[in-house]
Each structure stands twice: as structure tokens, then as C-alpha cells.
N, C-alpha and C. Protein backbone atom coordinates (compact mmCIF):
# COMPACT_ATOMS: atom_id res chain seq x y z
N MET A 1 111.23 89.63 115.97
CA MET A 1 111.44 89.09 114.54
C MET A 1 111.56 90.24 113.73
N ASP A 2 112.38 90.12 112.72
CA ASP A 2 112.56 91.12 111.66
C ASP A 2 111.34 91.63 111.10
N SER A 3 111.11 93.03 111.18
CA SER A 3 109.89 93.60 110.55
C SER A 3 109.65 93.37 109.11
N ARG A 4 110.88 92.97 108.37
CA ARG A 4 110.78 92.77 106.98
C ARG A 4 109.82 91.46 106.74
N ILE A 5 110.01 90.68 107.68
CA ILE A 5 109.32 89.31 107.57
C ILE A 5 107.79 89.76 107.67
N TRP A 6 107.39 90.43 108.75
CA TRP A 6 106.07 90.86 108.74
C TRP A 6 105.40 91.62 107.51
N GLU A 7 106.28 92.51 107.13
CA GLU A 7 105.94 93.35 105.88
C GLU A 7 105.63 92.40 104.78
N SER A 8 106.51 91.45 104.60
CA SER A 8 106.33 90.43 103.57
C SER A 8 105.06 89.68 103.65
N VAL A 9 104.87 89.12 104.82
CA VAL A 9 103.56 88.41 105.12
C VAL A 9 102.38 89.07 104.96
N ASP A 10 102.47 90.46 105.25
CA ASP A 10 101.30 91.30 105.10
C ASP A 10 101.03 91.52 103.65
N ARG A 11 102.12 91.64 102.79
CA ARG A 11 101.90 91.75 101.38
C ARG A 11 101.49 90.38 100.76
N LEU A 12 101.93 89.35 101.13
CA LEU A 12 101.55 87.96 100.59
C LEU A 12 100.09 87.75 100.96
N VAL A 13 99.69 88.12 102.24
CA VAL A 13 98.21 87.93 102.72
C VAL A 13 97.45 88.82 101.71
N ALA A 14 97.76 90.01 101.58
CA ALA A 14 96.97 90.98 100.78
C ALA A 14 96.73 90.36 99.34
N ARG A 15 97.82 89.92 98.74
CA ARG A 15 97.74 89.43 97.41
C ARG A 15 96.73 88.11 97.45
N LEU A 16 97.02 87.23 98.39
CA LEU A 16 96.19 86.00 98.53
C LEU A 16 94.67 86.41 98.51
N ASP A 17 94.42 87.44 99.55
CA ASP A 17 93.12 87.76 99.73
C ASP A 17 92.47 88.34 98.40
N ALA A 18 93.19 89.08 97.68
CA ALA A 18 92.70 89.76 96.46
C ALA A 18 92.60 88.66 95.30
N GLU A 19 93.10 87.64 95.28
CA GLU A 19 93.14 86.70 94.31
C GLU A 19 92.13 85.47 94.65
N SER A 20 91.79 85.35 95.88
CA SER A 20 91.10 84.27 96.23
C SER A 20 89.59 84.28 95.87
N PRO A 21 89.09 83.06 95.44
CA PRO A 21 87.81 82.89 95.16
C PRO A 21 87.00 82.43 96.37
N LEU A 22 87.60 82.29 97.44
CA LEU A 22 86.93 81.82 98.53
C LEU A 22 86.42 82.83 99.44
N SER A 23 85.50 82.60 100.36
CA SER A 23 85.00 83.42 101.46
C SER A 23 86.17 83.59 102.40
N PRO A 24 86.11 84.66 103.21
CA PRO A 24 87.09 84.82 104.29
C PRO A 24 87.23 83.70 105.20
N GLN A 25 86.10 83.16 105.73
CA GLN A 25 86.10 81.94 106.60
C GLN A 25 86.59 80.68 105.84
N GLU A 26 86.32 80.44 104.44
CA GLU A 26 87.02 79.36 103.87
C GLU A 26 88.49 79.76 103.69
N ASP A 27 88.88 80.94 103.45
CA ASP A 27 90.39 81.20 103.23
C ASP A 27 91.01 81.02 104.58
N ARG A 28 90.50 81.28 105.65
CA ARG A 28 90.96 81.00 107.05
C ARG A 28 91.32 79.55 107.26
N LEU A 29 90.29 78.67 106.94
CA LEU A 29 90.50 77.24 107.13
C LEU A 29 91.45 76.75 106.10
N ALA A 30 91.35 77.08 104.86
CA ALA A 30 92.41 76.65 103.79
C ALA A 30 93.96 77.03 104.18
N ARG A 31 93.97 78.08 104.76
CA ARG A 31 95.47 78.58 105.14
C ARG A 31 95.94 77.81 106.22
N ILE A 32 95.07 77.42 107.12
CA ILE A 32 95.54 76.62 108.33
C ILE A 32 95.79 75.19 107.91
N LEU A 33 94.77 74.60 106.98
CA LEU A 33 95.00 73.26 106.42
C LEU A 33 96.28 73.27 105.65
N LYS A 34 96.72 74.21 104.89
CA LYS A 34 97.90 74.24 104.07
C LYS A 34 99.08 73.91 104.92
N LEU A 35 99.10 74.22 106.18
CA LEU A 35 100.25 73.70 107.02
C LEU A 35 100.37 72.29 106.98
N SER A 36 99.36 71.55 106.90
CA SER A 36 99.48 69.97 106.95
C SER A 36 100.23 69.55 105.52
N GLU A 37 99.85 70.21 104.43
CA GLU A 37 100.55 70.01 103.25
C GLU A 37 102.12 70.22 103.26
N GLU A 38 102.40 71.46 103.89
CA GLU A 38 103.89 71.82 103.96
C GLU A 38 104.50 70.91 104.85
N VAL A 39 104.04 70.43 106.04
CA VAL A 39 104.71 69.45 106.82
C VAL A 39 104.82 68.16 106.14
N GLY A 40 103.92 67.85 105.33
CA GLY A 40 104.03 66.48 104.44
C GLY A 40 105.25 66.80 103.73
N GLU A 41 105.53 67.92 103.17
CA GLU A 41 106.64 68.14 102.23
C GLU A 41 107.92 68.02 102.97
N VAL A 42 108.03 68.35 104.26
CA VAL A 42 109.10 68.28 105.06
C VAL A 42 109.36 66.61 105.35
N SER A 43 108.26 66.00 105.51
CA SER A 43 108.56 64.59 105.77
C SER A 43 108.90 63.93 104.53
N ALA A 44 108.54 64.31 103.38
CA ALA A 44 109.03 63.66 102.14
C ALA A 44 110.41 64.05 101.91
N ALA A 45 110.81 65.28 102.04
CA ALA A 45 112.25 65.58 101.94
C ALA A 45 113.11 64.88 102.86
N VAL A 46 112.84 64.58 104.05
CA VAL A 46 113.58 63.87 105.10
C VAL A 46 113.65 62.43 104.45
N ILE A 47 112.60 61.92 104.16
CA ILE A 47 112.72 60.55 103.60
C ILE A 47 113.66 60.51 102.38
N GLY A 48 113.50 61.52 101.54
CA GLY A 48 114.41 61.50 100.38
C GLY A 48 115.65 61.72 100.62
N ALA A 49 116.06 62.56 101.72
CA ALA A 49 117.46 62.97 102.10
C ALA A 49 118.10 61.72 102.75
N THR A 50 117.38 60.83 103.37
CA THR A 50 117.84 59.65 104.04
C THR A 50 117.65 58.47 103.28
N GLY A 51 117.17 58.50 102.04
CA GLY A 51 117.05 57.41 101.31
C GLY A 51 116.13 56.40 101.82
N GLN A 52 115.09 56.70 102.55
CA GLN A 52 114.39 55.66 103.37
C GLN A 52 113.35 54.85 102.25
N ASN A 53 113.02 55.44 101.14
CA ASN A 53 112.26 54.73 100.11
C ASN A 53 113.30 53.88 99.17
N PRO A 54 113.35 52.58 99.45
CA PRO A 54 114.38 51.79 98.67
C PRO A 54 114.02 51.85 97.14
N ARG A 55 112.89 52.07 96.69
CA ARG A 55 112.58 52.22 95.37
C ARG A 55 113.11 53.42 94.73
N LYS A 56 113.19 54.51 95.56
CA LYS A 56 113.64 55.82 94.96
C LYS A 56 115.07 56.28 95.30
N GLY A 57 115.43 55.78 96.51
CA GLY A 57 116.79 56.05 96.99
C GLY A 57 116.86 57.56 97.39
N VAL A 58 117.97 58.07 97.40
CA VAL A 58 118.19 59.37 97.88
C VAL A 58 117.69 60.46 96.68
N THR A 59 116.69 61.21 97.14
CA THR A 59 116.06 62.01 96.21
C THR A 59 116.14 63.56 96.71
N HIS A 60 116.51 63.69 97.83
CA HIS A 60 116.50 65.21 98.41
C HIS A 60 117.78 65.34 99.06
N SER A 61 118.00 66.59 99.45
CA SER A 61 119.19 67.20 100.14
C SER A 61 118.83 67.68 101.50
N TRP A 62 119.69 67.80 102.38
CA TRP A 62 119.21 68.36 103.72
C TRP A 62 119.05 69.91 103.42
N GLU A 63 119.56 70.47 102.39
CA GLU A 63 119.24 71.74 102.06
C GLU A 63 117.78 71.87 101.66
N ASP A 64 117.31 70.85 100.95
CA ASP A 64 115.74 70.87 100.51
C ASP A 64 114.92 70.77 101.75
N VAL A 65 115.42 69.93 102.84
CA VAL A 65 114.71 69.92 104.13
C VAL A 65 114.67 71.31 104.83
N GLN A 66 115.76 71.94 104.74
CA GLN A 66 115.74 73.29 105.31
C GLN A 66 114.68 74.15 104.49
N HIS A 67 114.81 74.20 103.19
CA HIS A 67 113.73 74.90 102.44
C HIS A 67 112.35 74.60 102.81
N GLU A 68 112.12 73.35 102.89
CA GLU A 68 110.72 72.90 103.29
C GLU A 68 110.29 73.43 104.64
N LEU A 69 111.23 73.36 105.61
CA LEU A 69 110.94 73.89 106.96
C LEU A 69 110.73 75.43 106.87
N CYS A 70 111.42 76.16 105.90
CA CYS A 70 111.12 77.53 105.97
C CYS A 70 109.66 77.93 105.39
N ASP A 71 109.33 76.78 104.30
CA ASP A 71 107.94 77.00 103.95
C ASP A 71 106.78 76.70 104.96
N VAL A 72 107.03 75.86 105.85
CA VAL A 72 106.27 75.57 106.91
C VAL A 72 106.21 76.88 107.82
N VAL A 73 107.22 77.54 107.94
CA VAL A 73 107.18 78.82 108.95
C VAL A 73 106.47 79.83 108.27
N PHE A 74 106.71 80.04 106.79
CA PHE A 74 106.04 81.11 106.03
C PHE A 74 104.53 80.73 106.21
N THR A 75 104.16 79.54 105.82
CA THR A 75 102.64 79.17 105.87
C THR A 75 102.06 79.37 107.14
N ALA A 76 102.66 79.03 108.33
CA ALA A 76 102.22 79.40 109.61
C ALA A 76 102.08 80.84 109.80
N LEU A 77 102.98 81.63 109.40
CA LEU A 77 102.88 83.10 109.65
C LEU A 77 101.69 83.72 108.78
N VAL A 78 101.58 83.16 107.53
CA VAL A 78 100.43 83.74 106.77
C VAL A 78 99.24 83.13 107.33
N ALA A 79 98.98 82.10 107.98
CA ALA A 79 97.85 81.64 108.52
C ALA A 79 97.47 82.43 109.80
N LEU A 80 98.50 82.76 110.56
CA LEU A 80 98.39 83.59 111.78
C LEU A 80 97.86 84.94 111.34
N ARG A 81 98.54 85.44 110.48
CA ARG A 81 98.06 86.79 110.00
C ARG A 81 96.69 86.90 109.45
N THR A 82 96.25 85.85 108.68
CA THR A 82 94.96 85.58 108.32
C THR A 82 93.97 85.71 109.50
N LEU A 83 94.22 85.12 110.51
CA LEU A 83 93.58 85.17 111.79
C LEU A 83 93.38 86.54 112.53
N THR A 84 94.48 87.26 112.44
CA THR A 84 94.48 88.46 113.23
C THR A 84 95.30 89.44 112.53
N PRO A 85 94.88 90.77 112.40
CA PRO A 85 95.72 91.85 111.82
C PRO A 85 96.98 92.09 112.80
N ASP A 86 96.90 91.62 114.08
CA ASP A 86 97.97 91.83 115.16
C ASP A 86 98.71 90.62 115.23
N ALA A 87 99.09 89.99 114.13
CA ALA A 87 99.91 88.76 114.24
C ALA A 87 101.30 88.92 114.79
N ALA A 88 101.93 89.96 114.53
CA ALA A 88 103.33 90.20 115.00
C ALA A 88 103.29 90.35 116.52
N ARG A 89 102.30 90.93 117.07
CA ARG A 89 102.22 90.95 118.64
C ARG A 89 101.85 89.70 119.08
N VAL A 90 100.88 89.00 118.51
CA VAL A 90 100.55 87.67 119.01
C VAL A 90 101.75 86.77 119.03
N PHE A 91 102.61 86.80 117.94
CA PHE A 91 103.83 85.87 117.72
C PHE A 91 104.77 86.35 118.86
N ALA A 92 104.92 87.57 119.06
CA ALA A 92 106.03 88.16 120.19
C ALA A 92 105.56 87.82 121.38
N ASP A 93 104.17 87.95 121.82
CA ASP A 93 103.67 87.55 123.13
C ASP A 93 103.93 86.05 123.39
N ARG A 94 103.71 85.18 122.41
CA ARG A 94 103.78 83.76 122.44
C ARG A 94 105.28 83.36 122.68
N LEU A 95 106.23 84.13 121.78
CA LEU A 95 107.63 83.82 122.01
C LEU A 95 108.06 84.21 123.45
N ASP A 96 107.58 85.37 124.02
CA ASP A 96 107.92 85.57 125.32
C ASP A 96 107.49 84.49 126.37
N PHE A 97 106.21 84.11 126.14
CA PHE A 97 105.66 83.04 126.95
C PHE A 97 106.68 81.77 126.99
N VAL A 98 106.95 81.35 125.80
CA VAL A 98 107.77 80.10 125.58
C VAL A 98 109.19 80.44 126.18
N GLU A 99 109.68 81.54 125.98
CA GLU A 99 111.02 81.75 126.61
C GLU A 99 110.94 81.72 128.21
N ARG A 100 110.01 82.36 128.81
CA ARG A 100 109.71 82.19 130.34
C ARG A 100 109.36 80.74 130.59
N ARG A 101 108.60 80.19 130.09
CA ARG A 101 108.47 78.59 130.36
C ARG A 101 109.68 77.88 130.37
N THR A 102 110.48 78.07 129.26
CA THR A 102 111.82 77.38 129.17
C THR A 102 112.66 77.77 130.24
N ALA A 103 112.71 79.09 130.52
CA ALA A 103 113.65 79.56 131.54
C ALA A 103 113.24 79.06 132.97
N ALA A 104 111.93 78.87 133.12
CA ALA A 104 111.29 78.26 134.51
C ALA A 104 111.65 76.94 134.65
N GLY A 105 111.88 76.14 133.58
CA GLY A 105 112.14 74.70 133.70
C GLY A 105 113.55 74.40 133.81
N ARG A 106 114.54 75.25 133.70
CA ARG A 106 116.02 75.02 133.74
C ARG A 106 116.19 74.91 135.40
N GLU A 107 117.17 74.12 135.55
CA GLU A 107 117.52 73.76 136.95
C GLU A 107 118.61 74.76 137.24
N PRO A 108 118.56 75.30 138.58
CA PRO A 108 119.46 76.33 139.04
C PRO A 108 120.94 75.86 138.78
N GLY A 109 121.69 76.70 138.43
CA GLY A 109 123.21 76.29 138.22
C GLY A 109 123.50 75.80 136.77
N SER A 110 122.48 75.57 135.92
CA SER A 110 122.73 74.88 134.64
C SER A 110 122.96 76.12 133.56
């Protein structure tokens, strides 16, 4: 993952930590729970992009959905970084694991 992303995440976490009225334990929980809010915004954008609410019609674009998905990723990285200062390594290790698991599940010759 681009090191700029982790530098940005580190700056954001430092700013959030400096401005937070919560204890570190409460911050940890709040940042993890923030993911639920962001996923809900993805859902709302999909509903809006597909016009699934007949009262509202089409209220979002697929670009809005893309932006909301990015917000989920950012929020997850902030939560991970809040849990460990070694978030970049944890993420890289997990990515390696997922890639190995995916490769192991492929059928030969595919």
C-alpha cells in the first residue's frame, strides 16, 4: 500500500487523538463503531443510486457510492491504526494471508 496513505492515516489519528475528549479506550471503541455508520452511508448511497426508495427516487450517483466506499476504507484504516502503531505491517501481513488463501483455492489450470 502506498506509504502516503499510512502517513495520512498517522496524521489523521494524531489530530483525532489531540482533539478527542474521550479516553483512549473510548476512542478505540468509537472509531471501530464509526465503521457501522460509514457502511450505512454506502447502503444509503446504493439505495439512492438505484432509486429503491419510491418516495425519494434517484438521489445519489454511483460516484457517490465510490466515495462512500472510500470513506469506509479510510475509517477502517484509522480504526486499525488506533489499535496498533504497527498498522501498516498488520495490514500487509493480512493482505499476504488473503492472497495466499485465494491462490490456494484456485483450481489447477485456471
